[in-house]
Amino acid sequence: MKKTPIVILFIFMTLTACDDKKELDYYSNGAPRLERIWVDRESKTCKVKEWYIDSAIKWIGVTKDGIRQYSGLASNAMCTLNVQGRPEFLEMGETYPIRTIVTGVHPDDLQLFGKGCKIERLMHDNYDFEIEPVKTGSIELWVRAKLGSQLFQPCHFQVECKR
């Protein structure tokens, strides 16, 4: 019987120690924004998970001293272009908020270039860029990732634009 309180105390101390390592932040609508799990407080290393305001995952990775860490990213990373509303085609003169998702790369480290459209970087909780087609036909988009001093171009998209 004397061992039981010690075991319970040990479990309680372990659980509270884990809670100290985890930080959560939320958007004003209650959706999760950021989860940070401290791996090593001395080196300020954290596992981080970020979400967009609609609860879609924005990025999962590691930071050290507040700087995103990238290692072993392949140039054939999986890429997704997510246009708000998922239209079948784009219309010339309209603007479309978009997300460019490259597996393992934070959206803030992506650059988007285009042919046949205007592109604007958004500082937004839900979309990263806005595109406006300026011609009909095929619009080309290139995504480039800047990871520290390295650049790589993991994606190329073609999107149809009609009047």
N, C-alpha and C. Protein backbone atom coordinates (compact mmCIF):
# COMPACT_ATOMS: atom_id res chain seq x y z
N MET A 1 0.80 -1.20 0.00
CA MET A 1 0.00 0.00 0.00
C MET A 1 0.84 1.26 0.00
N LYS A 2 2.01 1.23 0.60
CA LYS A 2 2.84 2.42 0.65
C LYS A 2 3.44 2.75 -0.70
N LYS A 3 3.51 1.78 -1.64
CA LYS A 3 4.06 2.02 -2.98
C LYS A 3 3.07 2.76 -3.86
N THR A 4 1.80 2.60 -3.64
CA THR A 4 0.77 3.21 -4.49
C THR A 4 0.87 4.73 -4.52
N PRO A 5 0.97 5.44 -3.40
CA PRO A 5 1.07 6.91 -3.46
C PRO A 5 2.32 7.37 -4.22
N ILE A 6 3.42 6.64 -4.10
CA ILE A 6 4.65 7.01 -4.80
C ILE A 6 4.43 6.90 -6.31
N VAL A 7 3.79 5.84 -6.77
CA VAL A 7 3.52 5.65 -8.20
C VAL A 7 2.61 6.74 -8.71
N ILE A 8 1.55 7.05 -7.96
CA ILE A 8 0.62 8.12 -8.36
C ILE A 8 1.35 9.46 -8.42
N LEU A 9 2.18 9.75 -7.44
CA LEU A 9 2.94 10.98 -7.42
C LEU A 9 3.89 11.06 -8.61
N PHE A 10 4.55 9.95 -8.95
CA PHE A 10 5.46 9.91 -10.10
C PHE A 10 4.70 10.19 -11.40
N ILE A 11 3.54 9.54 -11.58
CA ILE A 11 2.72 9.76 -12.78
C ILE A 11 2.27 11.21 -12.86
N PHE A 12 1.82 11.78 -11.74
CA PHE A 12 1.38 13.18 -11.72
C PHE A 12 2.53 14.11 -12.10
N MET A 13 3.72 13.88 -11.55
CA MET A 13 4.87 14.74 -11.85
C MET A 13 5.26 14.61 -13.32
N THR A 14 5.21 13.42 -13.89
CA THR A 14 5.54 13.20 -15.29
C THR A 14 4.56 13.94 -16.20
N LEU A 15 3.27 13.83 -15.90
CA LEU A 15 2.26 14.50 -16.72
C LEU A 15 2.40 16.02 -16.65
N THR A 16 2.64 16.57 -15.47
CA THR A 16 2.77 18.03 -15.38
C THR A 16 4.07 18.49 -16.05
N ALA A 17 5.12 17.68 -16.02
CA ALA A 17 6.36 18.05 -16.70
C ALA A 17 6.14 18.12 -18.20
N CYS A 18 5.34 17.20 -18.75
CA CYS A 18 5.03 17.22 -20.19
C CYS A 18 4.23 18.45 -20.55
N ASP A 19 3.30 18.86 -19.68
CA ASP A 19 2.48 20.03 -19.96
C ASP A 19 3.34 21.29 -20.06
N ASP A 20 4.42 21.37 -19.28
CA ASP A 20 5.30 22.53 -19.33
C ASP A 20 6.00 22.65 -20.67
N LYS A 21 6.14 21.54 -21.39
CA LYS A 21 6.86 21.53 -22.65
C LYS A 21 5.99 21.92 -23.83
N LYS A 22 4.68 22.00 -23.67
CA LYS A 22 3.76 22.21 -24.78
C LYS A 22 3.10 23.59 -24.66
N GLU A 23 3.12 24.34 -25.74
CA GLU A 23 2.46 25.64 -25.78
C GLU A 23 1.45 25.64 -26.91
N LEU A 24 0.27 26.18 -26.66
CA LEU A 24 -0.78 26.27 -27.66
C LEU A 24 -1.22 27.71 -27.82
N ASP A 25 -1.54 28.09 -29.06
CA ASP A 25 -2.05 29.43 -29.35
C ASP A 25 -3.25 29.25 -30.28
N TYR A 26 -4.25 30.12 -30.13
CA TYR A 26 -5.48 29.99 -30.90
C TYR A 26 -5.84 31.30 -31.60
N TYR A 27 -6.56 31.18 -32.72
CA TYR A 27 -7.13 32.35 -33.38
C TYR A 27 -8.31 32.85 -32.55
N SER A 28 -8.79 34.05 -32.84
CA SER A 28 -9.91 34.62 -32.09
C SER A 28 -11.19 33.80 -32.25
N ASN A 29 -11.30 33.02 -33.34
CA ASN A 29 -12.49 32.19 -33.54
C ASN A 29 -12.39 30.85 -32.80
N GLY A 30 -11.31 30.63 -32.06
CA GLY A 30 -11.14 29.41 -31.28
C GLY A 30 -10.38 28.31 -32.00
N ALA A 31 -10.11 28.50 -33.29
CA ALA A 31 -9.37 27.48 -34.07
C ALA A 31 -7.90 27.49 -33.63
N PRO A 32 -7.25 26.32 -33.65
CA PRO A 32 -5.83 26.29 -33.27
C PRO A 32 -4.98 27.06 -34.29
N ARG A 33 -3.98 27.80 -33.80
CA ARG A 33 -3.08 28.55 -34.67
C ARG A 33 -1.68 27.94 -34.64
N LEU A 34 -1.21 27.58 -33.43
CA LEU A 34 0.17 27.12 -33.27
C LEU A 34 0.27 26.17 -32.09
N GLU A 35 1.01 25.10 -32.30
CA GLU A 35 1.36 24.19 -31.21
C GLU A 35 2.88 24.08 -31.22
N ARG A 36 3.47 24.34 -30.08
CA ARG A 36 4.93 24.27 -29.96
C ARG A 36 5.26 23.30 -28.83
N ILE A 37 6.06 22.29 -29.15
CA ILE A 37 6.50 21.33 -28.14
C ILE A 37 8.01 21.50 -28.00
N TRP A 38 8.43 21.85 -26.80
CA TRP A 38 9.85 22.06 -26.55
C TRP A 38 10.56 20.73 -26.48
N VAL A 39 11.53 20.55 -27.36
CA VAL A 39 12.36 19.34 -27.36
C VAL A 39 13.57 19.55 -26.46
N ASP A 40 14.16 20.75 -26.53
CA ASP A 40 15.34 21.09 -25.72
C ASP A 40 15.32 22.59 -25.46
N ARG A 41 15.04 22.96 -24.23
CA ARG A 41 14.94 24.40 -23.90
C ARG A 41 16.30 25.10 -23.99
N GLU A 42 17.38 24.40 -23.71
CA GLU A 42 18.71 25.03 -23.78
C GLU A 42 19.05 25.47 -25.19
N SER A 43 18.83 24.58 -26.16
CA SER A 43 19.13 24.94 -27.55
C SER A 43 17.92 25.60 -28.23
N LYS A 44 16.84 25.78 -27.45
CA LYS A 44 15.61 26.41 -27.94
C LYS A 44 15.06 25.68 -29.17
N THR A 45 15.06 24.33 -29.10
CA THR A 45 14.57 23.50 -30.20
C THR A 45 13.14 23.07 -29.92
N CYS A 46 12.26 23.28 -30.91
CA CYS A 46 10.84 22.95 -30.76
C CYS A 46 10.32 22.22 -31.99
N LYS A 47 9.37 21.32 -31.74
CA LYS A 47 8.55 20.78 -32.82
C LYS A 47 7.35 21.71 -32.93
N VAL A 48 7.05 22.13 -34.14
CA VAL A 48 6.00 23.13 -34.34
C VAL A 48 4.97 22.62 -35.33
N LYS A 49 3.71 22.93 -35.03
CA LYS A 49 2.61 22.65 -35.96
C LYS A 49 1.79 23.93 -36.06
N GLU A 50 1.57 24.40 -37.30
CA GLU A 50 0.79 25.62 -37.52
C GLU A 50 -0.43 25.30 -38.38
N TRP A 51 -1.49 26.05 -38.14
CA TRP A 51 -2.72 25.90 -38.91
C TRP A 51 -3.14 27.23 -39.51
N TYR A 52 -3.90 27.15 -40.61
CA TYR A 52 -4.61 28.32 -41.13
C TYR A 52 -5.85 28.52 -40.26
N ILE A 53 -6.50 29.66 -40.39
CA ILE A 53 -7.65 29.98 -39.55
C ILE A 53 -8.83 29.03 -39.78
N ASP A 54 -8.88 28.35 -40.95
CA ASP A 54 -9.96 27.38 -41.21
C ASP A 54 -9.57 25.97 -40.77
N SER A 55 -8.52 25.84 -39.98
CA SER A 55 -8.02 24.59 -39.39
C SER A 55 -7.28 23.67 -40.35
N ALA A 56 -7.02 24.11 -41.58
CA ALA A 56 -6.16 23.33 -42.49
C ALA A 56 -4.72 23.47 -42.00
N ILE A 57 -3.94 22.41 -42.11
CA ILE A 57 -2.55 22.44 -41.64
C ILE A 57 -1.72 23.32 -42.56
N LYS A 58 -0.97 24.23 -41.95
CA LYS A 58 -0.11 25.16 -42.68
C LYS A 58 1.32 24.60 -42.78
N TRP A 59 1.83 24.10 -41.66
CA TRP A 59 3.22 23.62 -41.64
C TRP A 59 3.45 22.77 -40.40
N ILE A 60 4.26 21.73 -40.58
CA ILE A 60 4.73 20.92 -39.46
C ILE A 60 6.24 20.84 -39.62
N GLY A 61 6.96 21.20 -38.58
CA GLY A 61 8.42 21.17 -38.69
C GLY A 61 9.10 21.43 -37.37
N VAL A 62 10.36 21.82 -37.46
CA VAL A 62 11.20 22.05 -36.28
C VAL A 62 11.80 23.45 -36.37
N THR A 63 11.83 24.13 -35.22
CA THR A 63 12.54 25.41 -35.14
C THR A 63 13.64 25.29 -34.11
N LYS A 64 14.71 26.02 -34.35
CA LYS A 64 15.81 26.09 -33.39
C LYS A 64 16.13 27.56 -33.21
N ASP A 65 16.02 28.02 -31.98
CA ASP A 65 16.23 29.43 -31.66
C ASP A 65 15.29 30.32 -32.51
N GLY A 66 14.07 29.82 -32.77
CA GLY A 66 13.07 30.58 -33.52
C GLY A 66 13.21 30.52 -35.03
N ILE A 67 14.22 29.81 -35.54
CA ILE A 67 14.46 29.74 -36.99
C ILE A 67 14.03 28.36 -37.49
N ARG A 68 13.22 28.35 -38.56
CA ARG A 68 12.77 27.09 -39.13
C ARG A 68 13.96 26.28 -39.64
N GLN A 69 13.96 24.99 -39.32
CA GLN A 69 15.05 24.10 -39.71
C GLN A 69 14.59 23.20 -40.85
N TYR A 70 15.41 23.13 -41.89
CA TYR A 70 15.12 22.27 -43.03
C TYR A 70 16.30 21.34 -43.25
N SER A 71 16.01 20.04 -43.29
CA SER A 71 17.06 19.09 -43.61
C SER A 71 16.44 17.94 -44.38
N GLY A 72 17.13 17.50 -45.38
CA GLY A 72 16.67 16.34 -46.14
C GLY A 72 15.45 16.57 -47.01
N LEU A 73 15.16 17.83 -47.37
CA LEU A 73 14.03 18.09 -48.25
C LEU A 73 14.41 17.72 -49.67
N ALA A 74 13.59 16.93 -50.29
CA ALA A 74 13.85 16.50 -51.66
C ALA A 74 13.32 17.54 -52.63
N SER A 75 13.99 17.67 -53.77
CA SER A 75 13.52 18.61 -54.78
C SER A 75 12.23 18.11 -55.44
N ASN A 76 11.85 16.87 -55.17
CA ASN A 76 10.60 16.35 -55.71
C ASN A 76 9.52 16.32 -54.62
N ALA A 77 9.53 17.33 -53.75
CA ALA A 77 8.54 17.43 -52.68
C ALA A 77 7.14 17.52 -53.28
N MET A 78 6.16 17.04 -52.54
CA MET A 78 4.78 17.08 -53.00
C MET A 78 4.25 18.51 -52.92
N CYS A 79 3.64 18.97 -54.01
CA CYS A 79 3.15 20.35 -54.09
C CYS A 79 1.65 20.36 -54.36
N THR A 80 0.98 21.32 -53.77
CA THR A 80 -0.45 21.50 -53.98
C THR A 80 -0.73 22.98 -54.19
N LEU A 81 -1.59 23.27 -55.14
CA LEU A 81 -2.07 24.63 -55.37
C LEU A 81 -3.54 24.62 -54.99
N ASN A 82 -3.90 25.40 -53.99
CA ASN A 82 -5.26 25.42 -53.48
C ASN A 82 -5.85 26.80 -53.74
N VAL A 83 -6.78 26.90 -54.70
CA VAL A 83 -7.43 28.17 -55.04
C VAL A 83 -8.72 28.25 -54.23
N GLN A 84 -8.96 29.39 -53.58
CA GLN A 84 -10.16 29.55 -52.76
C GLN A 84 -11.41 29.25 -53.59
N GLY A 85 -12.29 28.41 -53.07
CA GLY A 85 -13.50 28.04 -53.76
C GLY A 85 -13.33 26.94 -54.77
N ARG A 86 -12.08 26.57 -55.06
CA ARG A 86 -11.74 25.51 -56.02
C ARG A 86 -12.51 25.63 -57.33
N PRO A 87 -12.35 26.75 -58.03
CA PRO A 87 -13.08 26.92 -59.30
C PRO A 87 -12.55 25.97 -60.37
N GLU A 88 -13.41 25.65 -61.33
CA GLU A 88 -13.01 24.77 -62.44
C GLU A 88 -11.98 25.47 -63.33
N PHE A 89 -12.13 26.77 -63.49
CA PHE A 89 -11.17 27.58 -64.24
C PHE A 89 -11.17 28.99 -63.66
N LEU A 90 -10.16 29.76 -63.99
CA LEU A 90 -10.07 31.14 -63.51
C LEU A 90 -10.63 32.08 -64.58
N GLU A 91 -11.08 33.25 -64.14
CA GLU A 91 -11.60 34.24 -65.08
C GLU A 91 -10.67 35.45 -65.09
N MET A 92 -10.41 35.94 -66.29
CA MET A 92 -9.53 37.09 -66.46
C MET A 92 -10.11 38.30 -65.72
N GLY A 93 -9.26 39.02 -65.02
CA GLY A 93 -9.67 40.22 -64.30
C GLY A 93 -10.18 39.98 -62.89
N GLU A 94 -10.42 38.72 -62.53
CA GLU A 94 -10.85 38.38 -61.16
C GLU A 94 -9.60 38.08 -60.33
N THR A 95 -9.72 38.24 -59.01
CA THR A 95 -8.60 37.89 -58.13
C THR A 95 -8.97 36.65 -57.32
N TYR A 96 -7.96 35.82 -57.07
CA TYR A 96 -8.17 34.54 -56.38
C TYR A 96 -7.12 34.35 -55.29
N PRO A 97 -7.57 34.25 -54.03
CA PRO A 97 -6.63 33.90 -52.97
C PRO A 97 -6.21 32.44 -53.14
N ILE A 98 -4.93 32.16 -52.95
CA ILE A 98 -4.44 30.79 -53.10
C ILE A 98 -3.46 30.43 -51.99
N ARG A 99 -3.36 29.13 -51.78
CA ARG A 99 -2.33 28.56 -50.91
C ARG A 99 -1.43 27.73 -51.80
N THR A 100 -0.16 27.85 -51.59
CA THR A 100 0.79 26.95 -52.24
C THR A 100 1.40 26.11 -51.12
N ILE A 101 1.15 24.82 -51.18
CA ILE A 101 1.61 23.93 -50.13
C ILE A 101 2.69 23.02 -50.69
N VAL A 102 3.86 23.09 -50.09
CA VAL A 102 4.98 22.22 -50.45
C VAL A 102 5.33 21.46 -49.17
N THR A 103 5.25 20.14 -49.26
CA THR A 103 5.47 19.29 -48.09
C THR A 103 6.76 19.67 -47.36
N GLY A 104 6.63 19.98 -46.07
CA GLY A 104 7.79 20.26 -45.24
C GLY A 104 8.31 21.69 -45.29
N VAL A 105 7.73 22.55 -46.14
CA VAL A 105 8.22 23.93 -46.28
C VAL A 105 7.17 24.90 -45.77
N HIS A 106 7.57 25.82 -44.91
CA HIS A 106 6.65 26.83 -44.39
C HIS A 106 6.26 27.78 -45.53
N PRO A 107 4.98 28.14 -45.65
CA PRO A 107 4.54 29.03 -46.74
C PRO A 107 5.27 30.37 -46.78
N ASP A 108 5.74 30.86 -45.63
CA ASP A 108 6.49 32.13 -45.63
C ASP A 108 7.84 32.00 -46.33
N ASP A 109 8.31 30.78 -46.54
CA ASP A 109 9.58 30.55 -47.23
C ASP A 109 9.40 30.22 -48.71
N LEU A 110 8.17 30.39 -49.21
CA LEU A 110 7.88 30.13 -50.62
C LEU A 110 7.75 31.44 -51.39
N GLN A 111 8.16 31.39 -52.64
CA GLN A 111 7.98 32.50 -53.57
C GLN A 111 7.17 31.97 -54.73
N LEU A 112 6.29 32.79 -55.28
CA LEU A 112 5.45 32.38 -56.40
C LEU A 112 5.68 33.33 -57.55
N PHE A 113 5.94 32.77 -58.72
CA PHE A 113 6.15 33.54 -59.94
C PHE A 113 5.14 33.07 -60.97
N GLY A 114 4.73 33.96 -61.86
CA GLY A 114 3.74 33.57 -62.84
C GLY A 114 3.93 34.22 -64.19
N LYS A 115 3.33 33.60 -65.20
CA LYS A 115 3.31 34.12 -66.55
C LYS A 115 1.84 34.21 -66.95
N GLY A 116 1.39 35.41 -67.28
CA GLY A 116 -0.01 35.61 -67.65
C GLY A 116 -0.89 36.01 -66.48
N CYS A 117 -0.25 36.40 -65.36
CA CYS A 117 -1.04 36.81 -64.19
C CYS A 117 -0.23 37.74 -63.30
N LYS A 118 -0.94 38.47 -62.46
CA LYS A 118 -0.31 39.29 -61.42
C LYS A 118 -0.36 38.48 -60.14
N ILE A 119 0.69 38.55 -59.36
CA ILE A 119 0.75 37.80 -58.11
C ILE A 119 1.09 38.77 -56.98
N GLU A 120 0.37 38.62 -55.88
CA GLU A 120 0.62 39.46 -54.72
C GLU A 120 0.73 38.57 -53.49
N ARG A 121 1.71 38.83 -52.65
CA ARG A 121 1.89 38.09 -51.40
C ARG A 121 0.87 38.64 -50.40
N LEU A 122 0.13 37.76 -49.75
CA LEU A 122 -0.83 38.16 -48.72
C LEU A 122 -0.23 37.88 -47.35
N MET A 123 -0.43 38.78 -46.44
CA MET A 123 -0.08 38.54 -45.05
C MET A 123 -1.41 38.26 -44.36
N HIS A 124 -1.84 37.03 -44.46
CA HIS A 124 -3.21 36.65 -44.15
C HIS A 124 -3.20 35.36 -43.34
N ASP A 125 -4.22 35.15 -42.54
CA ASP A 125 -4.31 33.93 -41.74
C ASP A 125 -4.88 32.75 -42.50
N ASN A 126 -5.30 32.97 -43.76
CA ASN A 126 -5.96 31.89 -44.47
C ASN A 126 -5.36 31.58 -45.85
N TYR A 127 -4.81 32.56 -46.53
CA TYR A 127 -4.21 32.33 -47.85
C TYR A 127 -2.89 33.07 -47.93
N ASP A 128 -1.97 32.54 -48.74
CA ASP A 128 -0.61 33.08 -48.80
C ASP A 128 -0.37 34.03 -49.95
N PHE A 129 -1.10 33.84 -51.07
CA PHE A 129 -0.92 34.66 -52.26
C PHE A 129 -2.28 34.99 -52.86
N GLU A 130 -2.27 35.98 -53.74
CA GLU A 130 -3.45 36.30 -54.52
C GLU A 130 -3.01 36.42 -55.97
N ILE A 131 -3.73 35.77 -56.88
CA ILE A 131 -3.39 35.87 -58.30
C ILE A 131 -4.54 36.50 -59.05
N GLU A 132 -4.18 37.24 -60.09
CA GLU A 132 -5.16 37.85 -60.98
C GLU A 132 -4.72 37.56 -62.41
N PRO A 133 -5.47 36.71 -63.13
CA PRO A 133 -5.12 36.44 -64.52
C PRO A 133 -5.26 37.71 -65.38
N VAL A 134 -4.27 37.92 -66.26
CA VAL A 134 -4.31 39.10 -67.15
C VAL A 134 -4.43 38.69 -68.61
N LYS A 135 -4.57 37.39 -68.86
CA LYS A 135 -4.77 36.89 -70.22
C LYS A 135 -5.58 35.60 -70.16
N THR A 136 -6.19 35.26 -71.26
CA THR A 136 -6.93 34.00 -71.32
C THR A 136 -5.97 32.89 -71.78
N GLY A 137 -6.42 31.67 -71.62
CA GLY A 137 -5.58 30.53 -72.00
C GLY A 137 -4.87 29.96 -70.80
N SER A 138 -3.70 29.44 -71.03
CA SER A 138 -2.94 28.78 -69.98
C SER A 138 -2.08 29.77 -69.21
N ILE A 139 -2.20 29.76 -67.91
CA ILE A 139 -1.37 30.58 -67.02
C ILE A 139 -0.38 29.63 -66.36
N GLU A 140 0.87 30.05 -66.27
CA GLU A 140 1.88 29.22 -65.64
C GLU A 140 2.30 29.82 -64.31
N LEU A 141 2.46 28.96 -63.33
CA LEU A 141 2.90 29.37 -62.00
C LEU A 141 4.07 28.50 -61.58
N TRP A 142 5.11 29.14 -61.04
CA TRP A 142 6.28 28.43 -60.52
C TRP A 142 6.41 28.76 -59.05
N VAL A 143 6.67 27.74 -58.26
CA VAL A 143 6.90 27.91 -56.83
C VAL A 143 8.38 27.70 -56.58
N ARG A 144 8.95 28.61 -55.82
CA ARG A 144 10.36 28.47 -55.46
C ARG A 144 10.45 28.57 -53.94
N ALA A 145 11.26 27.72 -53.35
CA ALA A 145 11.45 27.71 -51.90
C ALA A 145 12.84 28.24 -51.57
N LYS A 146 12.88 29.15 -50.61
CA LYS A 146 14.15 29.67 -50.13
C LYS A 146 14.36 29.12 -48.74
N LEU A 147 15.32 28.21 -48.63
CA LEU A 147 15.58 27.53 -47.37
C LEU A 147 16.98 27.90 -46.91
N GLY A 148 17.05 28.92 -46.08
CA GLY A 148 18.35 29.44 -45.67
C GLY A 148 19.02 30.08 -46.87
N SER A 149 20.19 29.59 -47.24
CA SER A 149 20.89 30.13 -48.41
C SER A 149 20.60 29.32 -49.67
N GLN A 150 19.83 28.26 -49.55
CA GLN A 150 19.54 27.40 -50.70
C GLN A 150 18.19 27.75 -51.33
N LEU A 151 18.14 27.65 -52.66
CA LEU A 151 16.90 27.83 -53.41
C LEU A 151 16.61 26.55 -54.18
N PHE A 152 15.35 26.15 -54.20
CA PHE A 152 14.98 25.08 -55.10
C PHE A 152 13.58 25.32 -55.61
N GLN A 153 13.30 24.82 -56.80
CA GLN A 153 12.02 25.04 -57.45
C GLN A 153 11.28 23.70 -57.53
N PRO A 154 10.44 23.44 -56.54
CA PRO A 154 9.80 22.13 -56.50
C PRO A 154 8.56 21.97 -57.37
N CYS A 155 7.94 23.09 -57.81
CA CYS A 155 6.63 22.95 -58.46
C CYS A 155 6.47 23.87 -59.67
N HIS A 156 5.65 23.39 -60.60
CA HIS A 156 5.22 24.17 -61.76
C HIS A 156 3.76 23.80 -62.01
N PHE A 157 2.90 24.79 -62.14
CA PHE A 157 1.49 24.54 -62.38
C PHE A 157 1.03 25.26 -63.64
N GLN A 158 0.07 24.68 -64.33
CA GLN A 158 -0.62 25.36 -65.43
C GLN A 158 -2.10 25.42 -65.07
N VAL A 159 -2.67 26.62 -65.19
CA VAL A 159 -4.05 26.85 -64.84
C VAL A 159 -4.75 27.49 -66.02
N GLU A 160 -5.97 27.05 -66.31
CA GLU A 160 -6.72 27.61 -67.43
C GLU A 160 -7.49 28.85 -67.00
N CYS A 161 -7.44 29.85 -67.88
CA CYS A 161 -8.15 31.10 -67.62
C CYS A 161 -9.08 31.40 -68.79
N LYS A 162 -10.31 31.74 -68.49
CA LYS A 162 -11.30 32.11 -69.51
C LYS A 162 -11.79 33.51 -69.24
N ARG A 163 -12.46 34.08 -70.21
CA ARG A 163 -13.01 35.44 -70.04
C ARG A 163 -14.13 35.46 -69.11
